Structure formats: C-alpha cells, structure tokens
Amino acid sequence: MIFDLCSNDMSRSLKKGPYVNPRIINKLKNLKPGDKTIIKVWDRACTITPEMVGFTLGVHNGRQHVPVYMVENMVGHRLGEFALTRKFVSHGGKIAKAEAAEAANAGKPAAAPAAKAPAKK
C-alpha cells in the first residue's frame, strides 16, 4: 500500500485537536459581528472554527491577500483551501481560442446582408 505524503489525508491527532492560531481568534473576538474589516492572515494551515463564521479574512496566497468570507460550510476546512496559489490560464492554445470565439459568436444573431442599391441605368 502506497501513501501519498504530500496530501493532507492524514489528520491531526484527536488528542491535540484542530490547529487554530489563537492570535486570529483574539483578533476576531475584538471585532463586532457586523464589522466589515478584513483581517490579514498568513497562517494557511489554520483550521476554520465556528467563531470565524461571518467575518472576512484576507488569506495570503504567496503574492497577495485574498478576501475570504467565512460561511458555515467552511468549518473544519483549512484557510489555505480557499485562497488558490496558482492561476489557471487554460488548456489548448489556438484551437481552444477558436472554439471559444465560435461559441461566443453562436449566441449573437448573424448580421443581415446589406441591401443592394438599385443599379443606375
């Protein structure tokens, strides 16, 4: 049986509990529930807890802080899962661009041919 050590399949010990940075929790406790300020966070490995729901955190992706609004469904996940570190451009090259252009033009009505002016005699 081969284990992939790069993935996060192995969870943290139940005895230790989830990894949560206490400084982030303290900063959130000082804010009011309706406050819209964005707290900058570099700790991508921090687990999202129910106390974080309703706040916006700026999670660092290596280049900038991506604003992430915490929702109830995110509880138990890591902060880094919601701030992607790589930008997906696209696959294909020229053929994919041509197909995308055709698909964009397919929705538009075709231009009507110009009416011919009567020929002068």
C-alpha atoms as a PDB file:
ATOM      1  CA  MET A   1       0.000   0.000   0.000  1.00  0.00           C
ATOM      2  CA  ILE A   2       1.491   3.330  -1.088  1.00  0.00           C
ATOM      3  CA  PHE A   3       0.815   6.513   0.896  1.00  0.00           C
ATOM      4  CA  ASP A   4       0.878   9.953  -0.636  1.00  0.00           C
ATOM      5  CA  LEU A   5       2.746  12.059   1.900  1.00  0.00           C
ATOM      6  CA  CYS A   6       2.139  15.316   0.055  1.00  0.00           C
ATOM      7  CA  SER A   7      -1.621  15.358   0.547  1.00  0.00           C
ATOM      8  CA  ASN A   8      -3.456  16.220   3.751  1.00  0.00           C
ATOM      9  CA  ASP A   9      -5.077  12.781   4.074  1.00  0.00           C
ATOM     10  CA  MET A  10      -3.580  12.182   7.481  1.00  0.00           C
ATOM     11  CA  SER A  11      -5.482  14.207  10.031  1.00  0.00           C
ATOM     12  CA  ARG A  12      -4.160  15.713  13.202  1.00  0.00           C
ATOM     13  CA  SER A  13      -4.310  13.693  16.408  1.00  0.00           C
ATOM     14  CA  LEU A  14      -7.681  13.783  18.178  1.00  0.00           C
ATOM     15  CA  LYS A  15      -5.825  14.271  21.442  1.00  0.00           C
ATOM     16  CA  LYS A  16      -4.321  17.528  20.162  1.00  0.00           C
ATOM     17  CA  GLY A  17      -7.450  18.813  18.431  1.00  0.00           C
ATOM     18  CA  PRO A  18      -7.542  21.015  15.322  1.00  0.00           C
ATOM     19  CA  TYR A  19      -4.758  23.527  14.753  1.00  0.00           C
ATOM     20  CA  VAL A  20      -6.101  27.016  15.330  1.00  0.00           C
ATOM     21  CA  ASN A  21      -3.909  30.087  15.677  1.00  0.00           C
ATOM     22  CA  PRO A  22      -5.008  31.808  18.926  1.00  0.00           C
ATOM     23  CA  ARG A  23      -3.913  35.242  17.641  1.00  0.00           C
ATOM     24  CA  ILE A  24      -6.502  35.042  14.840  1.00  0.00           C
ATOM     25  CA  ILE A  25      -9.256  34.119  17.313  1.00  0.00           C
ATOM     26  CA  ASN A  26      -8.262  37.016  19.622  1.00  0.00           C
ATOM     27  CA  LYS A  27      -8.400  39.470  16.713  1.00  0.00           C
ATOM     28  CA  LEU A  28     -11.860  38.204  15.757  1.00  0.00           C
ATOM     29  CA  LYS A  29     -13.146  38.478  19.336  1.00  0.00           C
ATOM     30  CA  ASN A  30     -12.211  42.176  19.370  1.00  0.00           C
ATOM     31  CA  LEU A  31     -14.359  42.817  16.283  1.00  0.00           C
ATOM     32  CA  LYS A  32     -18.098  43.391  16.316  1.00  0.00           C
ATOM     33  CA  PRO A  33     -20.241  40.779  14.470  1.00  0.00           C
ATOM     34  CA  GLY A  34     -21.286  43.170  11.653  1.00  0.00           C
ATOM     35  CA  ASP A  35     -17.799  44.636  11.173  1.00  0.00           C
ATOM     36  CA  LYS A  36     -16.566  44.523   7.560  1.00  0.00           C
ATOM     37  CA  THR A  37     -12.838  44.937   8.248  1.00  0.00           C
ATOM     38  CA  ILE A  38     -10.568  42.354   6.654  1.00  0.00           C
ATOM     39  CA  ILE A  39      -8.021  40.695   8.931  1.00  0.00           C
ATOM     40  CA  LYS A  40      -4.820  39.745   7.115  1.00  0.00           C
ATOM     41  CA  VAL A  41      -3.781  36.154   7.780  1.00  0.00           C
ATOM     42  CA  TRP A  42      -0.621  34.346   6.682  1.00  0.00           C
ATOM     43  CA  ASP A  43      -1.448  31.102   8.501  1.00  0.00           C
ATOM     44  CA  ARG A  44      -2.931  28.962   5.723  1.00  0.00           C
ATOM     45  CA  ALA A  45      -2.805  25.783   7.840  1.00  0.00           C
ATOM     46  CA  CYS A  46      -5.181  27.196  10.465  1.00  0.00           C
ATOM     47  CA  THR A  47      -8.480  25.312  10.738  1.00  0.00           C
ATOM     48  CA  ILE A  48     -11.712  27.311  10.383  1.00  0.00           C
ATOM     49  CA  THR A  49     -13.772  27.285  13.586  1.00  0.00           C
ATOM     50  CA  PRO A  50     -17.393  28.342  14.229  1.00  0.00           C
ATOM     51  CA  GLU A  51     -16.121  31.567  15.861  1.00  0.00           C
ATOM     52  CA  MET A  52     -14.778  32.689  12.465  1.00  0.00           C
ATOM     53  CA  VAL A  53     -18.141  32.417  10.661  1.00  0.00           C
ATOM     54  CA  GLY A  54     -19.440  35.783   9.490  1.00  0.00           C
ATOM     55  CA  PHE A  55     -16.078  37.509   9.250  1.00  0.00           C
ATOM     56  CA  THR A  56     -13.842  38.214   6.259  1.00  0.00           C
ATOM     57  CA  LEU A  57     -10.219  37.127   6.433  1.00  0.00           C
ATOM     58  CA  GLY A  58      -7.539  38.113   3.936  1.00  0.00           C
ATOM     59  CA  VAL A  59      -5.724  34.802   3.377  1.00  0.00           C
ATOM     60  CA  HIS A  60      -2.245  35.155   1.877  1.00  0.00           C
ATOM     61  CA  ASN A  61      -1.692  33.138  -1.305  1.00  0.00           C
ATOM     62  CA  GLY A  62       2.022  33.909  -1.630  1.00  0.00           C
ATOM     63  CA  ARG A  63       1.554  37.144  -3.536  1.00  0.00           C
ATOM     64  CA  GLN A  64      -1.458  38.953  -2.105  1.00  0.00           C
ATOM     65  CA  HIS A  65      -4.203  38.619   0.489  1.00  0.00           C
ATOM     66  CA  VAL A  66      -7.358  37.082  -0.986  1.00  0.00           C
ATOM     67  CA  PRO A  67     -10.518  38.165   0.895  1.00  0.00           C
ATOM     68  CA  VAL A  68     -12.453  35.087   2.032  1.00  0.00           C
ATOM     69  CA  TYR A  69     -15.858  35.452   3.689  1.00  0.00           C
ATOM     70  CA  MET A  70     -16.313  32.685   6.257  1.00  0.00           C
ATOM     71  CA  VAL A  71     -19.515  30.648   5.840  1.00  0.00           C
ATOM     72  CA  GLU A  72     -20.859  27.826   7.987  1.00  0.00           C
ATOM     73  CA  ASN A  73     -19.989  25.174   5.375  1.00  0.00           C
ATOM     74  CA  MET A  74     -16.273  26.066   5.667  1.00  0.00           C
ATOM     75  CA  VAL A  75     -15.984  24.973   9.312  1.00  0.00           C
ATOM     76  CA  GLY A  76     -13.399  22.203   9.668  1.00  0.00           C
ATOM     77  CA  HIS A  77     -11.520  23.108   6.485  1.00  0.00           C
ATOM     78  CA  ARG A  78      -8.209  24.964   6.303  1.00  0.00           C
ATOM     79  CA  LEU A  79      -7.860  28.643   5.381  1.00  0.00           C
ATOM     80  CA  GLY A  80      -5.449  27.828   2.556  1.00  0.00           C
ATOM     81  CA  GLU A  81      -8.093  25.815   0.703  1.00  0.00           C
ATOM     82  CA  PHE A  82      -9.964  28.997  -0.210  1.00  0.00           C
ATOM     83  CA  ALA A  83      -7.028  31.109  -1.434  1.00  0.00           C
ATOM     84  CA  LEU A  84      -5.552  29.448  -4.507  1.00  0.00           C
ATOM     85  CA  THR A  85      -1.808  29.805  -5.002  1.00  0.00           C
ATOM     86  CA  ARG A  86      -1.748  29.095  -8.734  1.00  0.00           C
ATOM     87  CA  LYS A  87      -3.608  30.824 -11.534  1.00  0.00           C
ATOM     88  CA  PHE A  88      -5.195  28.511 -14.094  1.00  0.00           C
ATOM     89  CA  VAL A  89      -4.873  30.022 -17.573  1.00  0.00           C
ATOM     90  CA  SER A  90      -6.383  27.421 -19.917  1.00  0.00           C
ATOM     91  CA  HIS A  91      -5.611  24.359 -21.981  1.00  0.00           C
ATOM     92  CA  GLY A  92      -5.439  24.108 -25.733  1.00  0.00           C
ATOM     93  CA  GLY A  93      -3.831  27.126 -27.320  1.00  0.00           C
ATOM     94  CA  LYS A  94      -5.054  28.302 -30.764  1.00  0.00           C
ATOM     95  CA  ILE A  95      -7.688  25.595 -31.232  1.00  0.00           C
ATOM     96  CA  ALA A  96      -9.319  26.314 -27.859  1.00  0.00           C
ATOM     97  CA  LYS A  97      -9.356  30.059 -28.579  1.00  0.00           C
ATOM     98  CA  ALA A  98     -11.010  29.481 -31.960  1.00  0.00           C
ATOM     99  CA  GLU A  99     -13.667  27.225 -30.399  1.00  0.00           C
ATOM    100  CA  ALA A 100     -14.328  29.775 -27.661  1.00  0.00           C
ATOM    101  CA  ALA A 101     -14.732  32.539 -30.259  1.00  0.00           C
ATOM    102  CA  GLU A 102     -17.174  30.382 -32.243  1.00  0.00           C
ATOM    103  CA  ALA A 103     -19.184  29.642 -29.116  1.00  0.00           C
ATOM    104  CA  ALA A 104     -19.331  33.345 -28.258  1.00  0.00           C
ATOM    105  CA  ASN A 105     -20.464  34.253 -31.775  1.00  0.00           C
ATOM    106  CA  ALA A 106     -23.051  31.462 -31.886  1.00  0.00           C
ATOM    107  CA  GLY A 107     -25.244  33.292 -29.377  1.00  0.00           C
ATOM    108  CA  LYS A 108     -25.286  36.504 -31.405  1.00  0.00           C
ATOM    109  CA  PRO A 109     -27.643  36.909 -34.383  1.00  0.00           C
ATOM    110  CA  ALA A 110     -25.952  36.919 -37.753  1.00  0.00           C
ATOM    111  CA  ALA A 111     -25.593  40.306 -39.421  1.00  0.00           C
ATOM    112  CA  ALA A 112     -28.159  40.888 -42.158  1.00  0.00           C
ATOM    113  CA  PRO A 113     -26.671  41.325 -45.609  1.00  0.00           C
ATOM    114  CA  ALA A 114     -26.661  44.924 -46.779  1.00  0.00           C
ATOM    115  CA  ALA A 115     -29.418  45.830 -49.212  1.00  0.00           C
ATOM    116  CA  LYS A 116     -28.088  46.481 -52.689  1.00  0.00           C
ATOM    117  CA  ALA A 117     -28.683  49.889 -54.134  1.00  0.00           C
ATOM    118  CA  PRO A 118     -30.569  49.821 -57.442  1.00  0.00           C
ATOM    119  CA  ALA A 119     -28.207  49.872 -60.384  1.00  0.00           C
ATOM    120  CA  LYS A 120     -28.105  53.126 -62.330  1.00  0.00           C
ATOM    121  CA  LYS A 121     -29.019  52.944 -65.981  1.00  0.00           C
END
